[in-house]
Amino acid sequence: MARRSDHNREELYALAMQAARDIAVHDGLKGLTARNIAKRIGYSAGTLYNLFKNLDEIALHVNAGTLDQLHDRLGEVALSGKPKKDIRQLLDAYLDFIGGNDRLWSLLFDHKLPDGTPLPDWYRARIARVLSLLEAALAPLFPEPDHPECQLSARVLWSSLHGICQLANADKLEIVSDEDTRALAHALVENYLAGLKARLG
């Protein structure tokens, strides 16, 4: 493919990200290759590697965009200070987001960095930003807003919900239950919150 110079670096980044996102939506992780992205934007694969270190970095940037979208969607929930109500609303917003972005959501968890490669700090910050919304909803249950167990509880809930959603996304949920995703997710949240409230007094 001939070299082009139609776009500056920022424009190329935007083109590559949109192409990578579109590929992820239609084909998932398996379709996310430098060749496919380059073909979509009309540039050589070498041009991509002037923007990104490797394909893993491209996937991380796509996932960061998904996390930003998820944060914005969850951020639309107005917290009332009542944890049970707020968590239920956040849960519904989360499930709605997954329902409309199932391939992008799957890419968040399907993509793995090579062994020994740490997640970049900027990416960890994106995850923490999403979890902070869950922490804010849980905070009234704890004696102090920055109680360390509040952070832990947010991560336990998110990880547990991921298990349910992953089974549903793989069409495996019926193996363990006749209930649908939303019913199981709400049962998980209600039981966890009840146990947490009882223990904290």
C-alpha atoms as a PDB file:
ATOM      1  CA  MET A   1       0.000   0.000   0.000  1.00  0.00           C
ATOM      2  CA  ALA A   2       1.358   3.399  -0.933  1.00  0.00           C
ATOM      3  CA  ARG A   3       2.332   5.805   1.793  1.00  0.00           C
ATOM      4  CA  ARG A   4      -0.120   8.630   2.472  1.00  0.00           C
ATOM      5  CA  SER A   5       0.102  11.909   4.329  1.00  0.00           C
ATOM      6  CA  ASP A   6      -3.507  13.074   4.218  1.00  0.00           C
ATOM      7  CA  HIS A   7      -3.938  13.318   7.985  1.00  0.00           C
ATOM      8  CA  ASN A   8      -1.957  14.591  10.944  1.00  0.00           C
ATOM      9  CA  ARG A   9      -1.122  12.403  13.934  1.00  0.00           C
ATOM     10  CA  GLU A  10      -4.254  13.295  15.901  1.00  0.00           C
ATOM     11  CA  GLU A  11      -6.490  12.626  12.906  1.00  0.00           C
ATOM     12  CA  LEU A  12      -4.777   9.312  12.224  1.00  0.00           C
ATOM     13  CA  TYR A  13      -5.260   8.292  15.839  1.00  0.00           C
ATOM     14  CA  ALA A  14      -8.978   9.084  15.627  1.00  0.00           C
ATOM     15  CA  LEU A  15      -9.316   7.165  12.350  1.00  0.00           C
ATOM     16  CA  ALA A  16      -7.466   4.148  13.731  1.00  0.00           C
ATOM     17  CA  MET A  17      -9.512   4.121  16.924  1.00  0.00           C
ATOM     18  CA  GLN A  18     -12.803   4.327  15.055  1.00  0.00           C
ATOM     19  CA  ALA A  19     -11.729   1.551  12.698  1.00  0.00           C
ATOM     20  CA  ALA A  20     -10.526  -0.649  15.565  1.00  0.00           C
ATOM     21  CA  ARG A  21     -13.746  -0.057  17.450  1.00  0.00           C
ATOM     22  CA  ASP A  22     -15.871  -0.889  14.399  1.00  0.00           C
ATOM     23  CA  ILE A  23     -13.910  -4.094  13.848  1.00  0.00           C
ATOM     24  CA  ALA A  24     -14.298  -5.063  17.513  1.00  0.00           C
ATOM     25  CA  VAL A  25     -18.062  -4.469  17.318  1.00  0.00           C
ATOM     26  CA  HIS A  26     -18.474  -6.668  14.252  1.00  0.00           C
ATOM     27  CA  ASP A  27     -15.775  -9.320  14.678  1.00  0.00           C
ATOM     28  CA  GLY A  28     -14.600  -9.202  18.276  1.00  0.00           C
ATOM     29  CA  LEU A  29     -10.996  -9.705  19.335  1.00  0.00           C
ATOM     30  CA  LYS A  30     -10.244 -12.180  16.539  1.00  0.00           C
ATOM     31  CA  GLY A  31     -10.793  -9.516  13.886  1.00  0.00           C
ATOM     32  CA  LEU A  32      -8.685  -6.881  15.590  1.00  0.00           C
ATOM     33  CA  THR A  33      -5.484  -7.054  13.531  1.00  0.00           C
ATOM     34  CA  ALA A  34      -3.145  -4.345  12.277  1.00  0.00           C
ATOM     35  CA  ARG A  35      -3.863  -5.431   8.716  1.00  0.00           C
ATOM     36  CA  ASN A  36      -7.629  -5.092   9.133  1.00  0.00           C
ATOM     37  CA  ILE A  37      -7.346  -1.691  10.807  1.00  0.00           C
ATOM     38  CA  ALA A  38      -4.908  -0.406   8.175  1.00  0.00           C
ATOM     39  CA  LYS A  39      -7.150  -1.620   5.362  1.00  0.00           C
ATOM     40  CA  ARG A  40     -10.132   0.239   6.811  1.00  0.00           C
ATOM     41  CA  ILE A  41      -8.330   3.554   7.084  1.00  0.00           C
ATOM     42  CA  GLY A  42      -6.414   3.257   3.806  1.00  0.00           C
ATOM     43  CA  TYR A  43      -2.939   3.386   5.321  1.00  0.00           C
ATOM     44  CA  SER A  44      -0.170   0.836   5.704  1.00  0.00           C
ATOM     45  CA  ALA A  45       0.160  -1.292   8.822  1.00  0.00           C
ATOM     46  CA  GLY A  46       3.496   0.435   9.367  1.00  0.00           C
ATOM     47  CA  THR A  47       1.673   3.728   9.833  1.00  0.00           C
ATOM     48  CA  LEU A  48      -0.213   2.217  12.767  1.00  0.00           C
ATOM     49  CA  TYR A  49       3.043   1.349  14.466  1.00  0.00           C
ATOM     50  CA  ASN A  50       4.078   4.986  14.285  1.00  0.00           C
ATOM     51  CA  LEU A  51       1.056   5.665  16.505  1.00  0.00           C
ATOM     52  CA  PHE A  52       1.057   2.590  18.745  1.00  0.00           C
ATOM     53  CA  LYS A  53       3.770   0.301  20.086  1.00  0.00           C
ATOM     54  CA  ASN A  54       1.880  -2.839  19.121  1.00  0.00           C
ATOM     55  CA  LEU A  55      -1.563  -4.366  18.684  1.00  0.00           C
ATOM     56  CA  ASP A  56      -1.955  -4.777  22.447  1.00  0.00           C
ATOM     57  CA  GLU A  57      -1.720  -1.016  22.866  1.00  0.00           C
ATOM     58  CA  ILE A  58      -4.417  -0.541  20.218  1.00  0.00           C
ATOM     59  CA  ALA A  59      -6.699  -2.945  22.103  1.00  0.00           C
ATOM     60  CA  LEU A  60      -6.019  -1.082  25.351  1.00  0.00           C
ATOM     61  CA  HIS A  61      -7.010   2.214  23.754  1.00  0.00           C
ATOM     62  CA  VAL A  62     -10.220   0.694  22.382  1.00  0.00           C
ATOM     63  CA  ASN A  63     -10.988  -0.692  25.834  1.00  0.00           C
ATOM     64  CA  ALA A  64     -10.218   2.653  27.451  1.00  0.00           C
ATOM     65  CA  GLY A  65     -12.827   4.222  25.202  1.00  0.00           C
ATOM     66  CA  THR A  66     -15.335   1.586  26.277  1.00  0.00           C
ATOM     67  CA  LEU A  67     -14.549   2.266  29.938  1.00  0.00           C
ATOM     68  CA  ASP A  68     -15.072   5.984  29.334  1.00  0.00           C
ATOM     69  CA  GLN A  69     -18.450   5.259  27.752  1.00  0.00           C
ATOM     70  CA  LEU A  70     -19.398   2.998  30.646  1.00  0.00           C
ATOM     71  CA  HIS A  71     -18.355   5.677  33.137  1.00  0.00           C
ATOM     72  CA  ASP A  72     -20.472   8.264  31.354  1.00  0.00           C
ATOM     73  CA  ARG A  73     -23.481   5.932  31.267  1.00  0.00           C
ATOM     74  CA  LEU A  74     -23.223   5.041  34.962  1.00  0.00           C
ATOM     75  CA  GLY A  75     -22.569   8.691  35.774  1.00  0.00           C
ATOM     76  CA  GLU A  76     -26.061   9.510  34.527  1.00  0.00           C
ATOM     77  CA  VAL A  77     -27.468   7.738  37.596  1.00  0.00           C
ATOM     78  CA  ALA A  78     -28.269  10.336  40.256  1.00  0.00           C
ATOM     79  CA  LEU A  79     -27.262   8.906  43.629  1.00  0.00           C
ATOM     80  CA  SER A  80     -29.816   9.302  46.413  1.00  0.00           C
ATOM     81  CA  GLY A  81     -27.635   8.257  49.335  1.00  0.00           C
ATOM     82  CA  LYS A  82     -29.635   5.036  49.678  1.00  0.00           C
ATOM     83  CA  PRO A  83     -27.206   2.243  48.760  1.00  0.00           C
ATOM     84  CA  LYS A  84     -29.754  -0.422  47.851  1.00  0.00           C
ATOM     85  CA  LYS A  85     -31.656   1.882  45.506  1.00  0.00           C
ATOM     86  CA  ASP A  86     -28.524   3.405  44.013  1.00  0.00           C
ATOM     87  CA  ILE A  87     -26.776   0.085  43.405  1.00  0.00           C
ATOM     88  CA  ARG A  88     -29.890  -1.306  41.741  1.00  0.00           C
ATOM     89  CA  GLN A  89     -30.005   1.685  39.398  1.00  0.00           C
ATOM     90  CA  LEU A  90     -26.297   1.407  38.630  1.00  0.00           C
ATOM     91  CA  LEU A  91     -26.750  -2.305  38.001  1.00  0.00           C
ATOM     92  CA  ASP A  92     -29.585  -1.701  35.544  1.00  0.00           C
ATOM     93  CA  ALA A  93     -27.511   0.941  33.745  1.00  0.00           C
ATOM     94  CA  TYR A  94     -24.563  -1.485  33.614  1.00  0.00           C
ATOM     95  CA  LEU A  95     -26.679  -4.303  32.188  1.00  0.00           C
ATOM     96  CA  ASP A  96     -28.255  -1.956  29.646  1.00  0.00           C
ATOM     97  CA  PHE A  97     -24.791  -0.830  28.575  1.00  0.00           C
ATOM     98  CA  ILE A  98     -23.610  -4.417  28.146  1.00  0.00           C
ATOM     99  CA  GLY A  99     -26.750  -5.273  26.197  1.00  0.00           C
ATOM    100  CA  GLY A 100     -26.030  -2.518  23.704  1.00  0.00           C
ATOM    101  CA  ASN A 101     -22.258  -3.044  23.557  1.00  0.00           C
ATOM    102  CA  ASP A 102     -21.739  -6.763  24.082  1.00  0.00           C
ATOM    103  CA  ARG A 103     -18.720  -7.163  21.770  1.00  0.00           C
ATOM    104  CA  LEU A 104     -16.935  -4.134  23.185  1.00  0.00           C
ATOM    105  CA  TRP A 105     -17.692  -5.291  26.732  1.00  0.00           C
ATOM    106  CA  SER A 106     -16.322  -8.749  25.904  1.00  0.00           C
ATOM    107  CA  LEU A 107     -13.128  -7.201  24.538  1.00  0.00           C
ATOM    108  CA  LEU A 108     -12.520  -5.609  27.949  1.00  0.00           C
ATOM    109  CA  PHE A 109     -12.032  -9.076  29.406  1.00  0.00           C
ATOM    110  CA  ASP A 110     -11.020 -11.182  26.386  1.00  0.00           C
ATOM    111  CA  HIS A 111      -7.922  -9.141  25.592  1.00  0.00           C
ATOM    112  CA  LYS A 112      -4.912 -10.133  27.689  1.00  0.00           C
ATOM    113  CA  LEU A 113      -1.491  -8.561  27.777  1.00  0.00           C
ATOM    114  CA  PRO A 114       1.531 -10.869  27.474  1.00  0.00           C
ATOM    115  CA  ASP A 115       2.704 -12.473  30.714  1.00  0.00           C
ATOM    116  CA  GLY A 116       4.754 -10.079  32.803  1.00  0.00           C
ATOM    117  CA  THR A 117       3.388  -6.965  31.091  1.00  0.00           C
ATOM    118  CA  PRO A 118       1.711  -4.670  33.630  1.00  0.00           C
ATOM    119  CA  LEU A 119      -1.356  -2.625  32.831  1.00  0.00           C
ATOM    120  CA  PRO A 120      -0.362   1.007  32.171  1.00  0.00           C
ATOM    121  CA  ASP A 121      -1.177   3.479  34.924  1.00  0.00           C
ATOM    122  CA  TRP A 122      -3.422   5.491  32.587  1.00  0.00           C
ATOM    123  CA  TYR A 123      -5.518   2.375  31.949  1.00  0.00           C
ATOM    124  CA  ARG A 124      -5.742   1.487  35.639  1.00  0.00           C
ATOM    125  CA  ALA A 125      -6.982   5.032  36.229  1.00  0.00           C
ATOM    126  CA  ARG A 126      -9.833   4.417  33.762  1.00  0.00           C
ATOM    127  CA  ILE A 127     -10.883   1.307  35.687  1.00  0.00           C
ATOM    128  CA  ALA A 128     -10.639   3.125  39.018  1.00  0.00           C
ATOM    129  CA  ARG A 129     -12.823   5.923  37.646  1.00  0.00           C
ATOM    130  CA  VAL A 130     -15.615   3.472  36.845  1.00  0.00           C
ATOM    131  CA  LEU A 131     -15.294   1.724  40.199  1.00  0.00           C
ATOM    132  CA  SER A 132     -15.387   5.066  42.020  1.00  0.00           C
ATOM    133  CA  LEU A 133     -19.055   5.398  41.021  1.00  0.00           C
ATOM    134  CA  LEU A 134     -19.828   2.095  42.692  1.00  0.00           C
ATOM    135  CA  GLU A 135     -17.797   3.123  45.726  1.00  0.00           C
ATOM    136  CA  ALA A 136     -19.797   6.358  45.989  1.00  0.00           C
ATOM    137  CA  ALA A 137     -23.047   4.395  46.000  1.00  0.00           C
ATOM    138  CA  LEU A 138     -21.750   2.029  48.691  1.00  0.00           C
ATOM    139  CA  ALA A 139     -20.160   4.747  50.855  1.00  0.00           C
ATOM    140  CA  PRO A 140     -23.214   5.456  53.104  1.00  0.00           C
ATOM    141  CA  LEU A 141     -22.925   1.903  54.459  1.00  0.00           C
ATOM    142  CA  PHE A 142     -19.497   2.600  55.959  1.00  0.00           C
ATOM    143  CA  PRO A 143     -18.406   4.740  58.916  1.00  0.00           C
ATOM    144  CA  GLU A 144     -16.071   6.810  56.709  1.00  0.00           C
ATOM    145  CA  PRO A 145     -16.395   7.559  52.977  1.00  0.00           C
ATOM    146  CA  ASP A 146     -12.845   6.357  52.292  1.00  0.00           C
ATOM    147  CA  HIS A 147     -13.168   3.150  54.329  1.00  0.00           C
ATOM    148  CA  PRO A 148     -10.842   0.548  52.737  1.00  0.00           C
ATOM    149  CA  GLU A 149     -13.585  -2.080  52.734  1.00  0.00           C
ATOM    150  CA  CYS A 150     -15.720   0.189  50.556  1.00  0.00           C
ATOM    151  CA  GLN A 151     -13.176  -0.131  47.749  1.00  0.00           C
ATOM    152  CA  LEU A 152     -12.955  -3.875  48.312  1.00  0.00           C
ATOM    153  CA  SER A 153     -16.741  -4.259  48.246  1.00  0.00           C
ATOM    154  CA  ALA A 154     -16.990  -2.368  44.958  1.00  0.00           C
ATOM    155  CA  ARG A 155     -14.455  -4.712  43.405  1.00  0.00           C
ATOM    156  CA  VAL A 156     -16.110  -7.834  44.814  1.00  0.00           C
ATOM    157  CA  LEU A 157     -19.467  -6.768  43.395  1.00  0.00           C
ATOM    158  CA  TRP A 158     -18.087  -5.844  39.983  1.00  0.00           C
ATOM    159  CA  SER A 159     -16.106  -9.085  39.721  1.00  0.00           C
ATOM    160  CA  SER A 160     -19.102 -11.170  40.775  1.00  0.00           C
ATOM    161  CA  LEU A 161     -21.410  -9.406  38.331  1.00  0.00           C
ATOM    162  CA  HIS A 162     -18.865 -10.017  35.609  1.00  0.00           C
ATOM    163  CA  GLY A 163     -19.147 -13.755  36.235  1.00  0.00           C
ATOM    164  CA  ILE A 164     -22.911 -13.689  35.716  1.00  0.00           C
ATOM    165  CA  CYS A 165     -22.657 -11.459  32.650  1.00  0.00           C
ATOM    166  CA  GLN A 166     -19.877 -13.546  31.122  1.00  0.00           C
ATOM    167  CA  LEU A 167     -21.958 -16.710  31.450  1.00  0.00           C
ATOM    168  CA  ALA A 168     -24.900 -14.929  29.865  1.00  0.00           C
ATOM    169  CA  ASN A 169     -22.774 -13.538  27.042  1.00  0.00           C
ATOM    170  CA  ALA A 170     -21.463 -17.029  26.287  1.00  0.00           C
ATOM    171  CA  ASP A 171     -25.018 -18.464  26.364  1.00  0.00           C
ATOM    172  CA  LYS A 172     -24.013 -20.632  29.331  1.00  0.00           C
ATOM    173  CA  LEU A 173     -26.197 -19.099  32.042  1.00  0.00           C
ATOM    174  CA  GLU A 174     -28.925 -21.711  31.606  1.00  0.00           C
ATOM    175  CA  ILE A 175     -26.440 -24.344  32.769  1.00  0.00           C
ATOM    176  CA  VAL A 176     -26.609 -22.950  36.296  1.00  0.00           C
ATOM    177  CA  SER A 177     -30.025 -21.270  36.458  1.00  0.00           C
ATOM    178  CA  ASP A 178     -33.356 -20.799  34.724  1.00  0.00           C
ATOM    179  CA  GLU A 179     -33.386 -17.172  35.899  1.00  0.00           C
ATOM    180  CA  ASP A 180     -32.331 -14.448  33.493  1.00  0.00           C
ATOM    181  CA  THR A 181     -29.247 -12.262  33.818  1.00  0.00           C
ATOM    182  CA  ARG A 182     -31.020  -9.344  35.442  1.00  0.00           C
ATOM    183  CA  ALA A 183     -32.772 -11.484  38.058  1.00  0.00           C
ATOM    184  CA  LEU A 184     -29.539 -13.211  39.079  1.00  0.00           C
ATOM    185  CA  ALA A 185     -27.599  -9.947  39.139  1.00  0.00           C
ATOM    186  CA  HIS A 186     -30.190  -8.265  41.345  1.00  0.00           C
ATOM    187  CA  ALA A 187     -30.262 -11.279  43.682  1.00  0.00           C
ATOM    188  CA  LEU A 188     -26.480 -11.117  43.985  1.00  0.00           C
ATOM    189  CA  VAL A 189     -26.520  -7.408  44.809  1.00  0.00           C
ATOM    190  CA  GLU A 190     -29.366  -7.643  47.322  1.00  0.00           C
ATOM    191  CA  ASN A 191     -27.814 -10.580  49.173  1.00  0.00           C
ATOM    192  CA  TYR A 192     -24.377  -8.988  49.221  1.00  0.00           C
ATOM    193  CA  LEU A 193     -25.712  -5.669  50.503  1.00  0.00           C
ATOM    194  CA  ALA A 194     -27.832  -7.394  53.155  1.00  0.00           C
ATOM    195  CA  GLY A 195     -24.807  -9.308  54.417  1.00  0.00           C
ATOM    196  CA  LEU A 196     -22.620  -6.219  54.373  1.00  0.00           C
ATOM    197  CA  LYS A 197     -25.195  -4.143  56.245  1.00  0.00           C
ATOM    198  CA  ALA A 198     -25.712  -6.861  58.871  1.00  0.00           C
ATOM    199  CA  ARG A 199     -21.983  -7.204  59.459  1.00  0.00           C
ATOM    200  CA  LEU A 200     -21.347  -3.472  59.689  1.00  0.00           C
ATOM    201  CA  GLY A 201     -24.347  -2.960  61.948  1.00  0.00           C
END
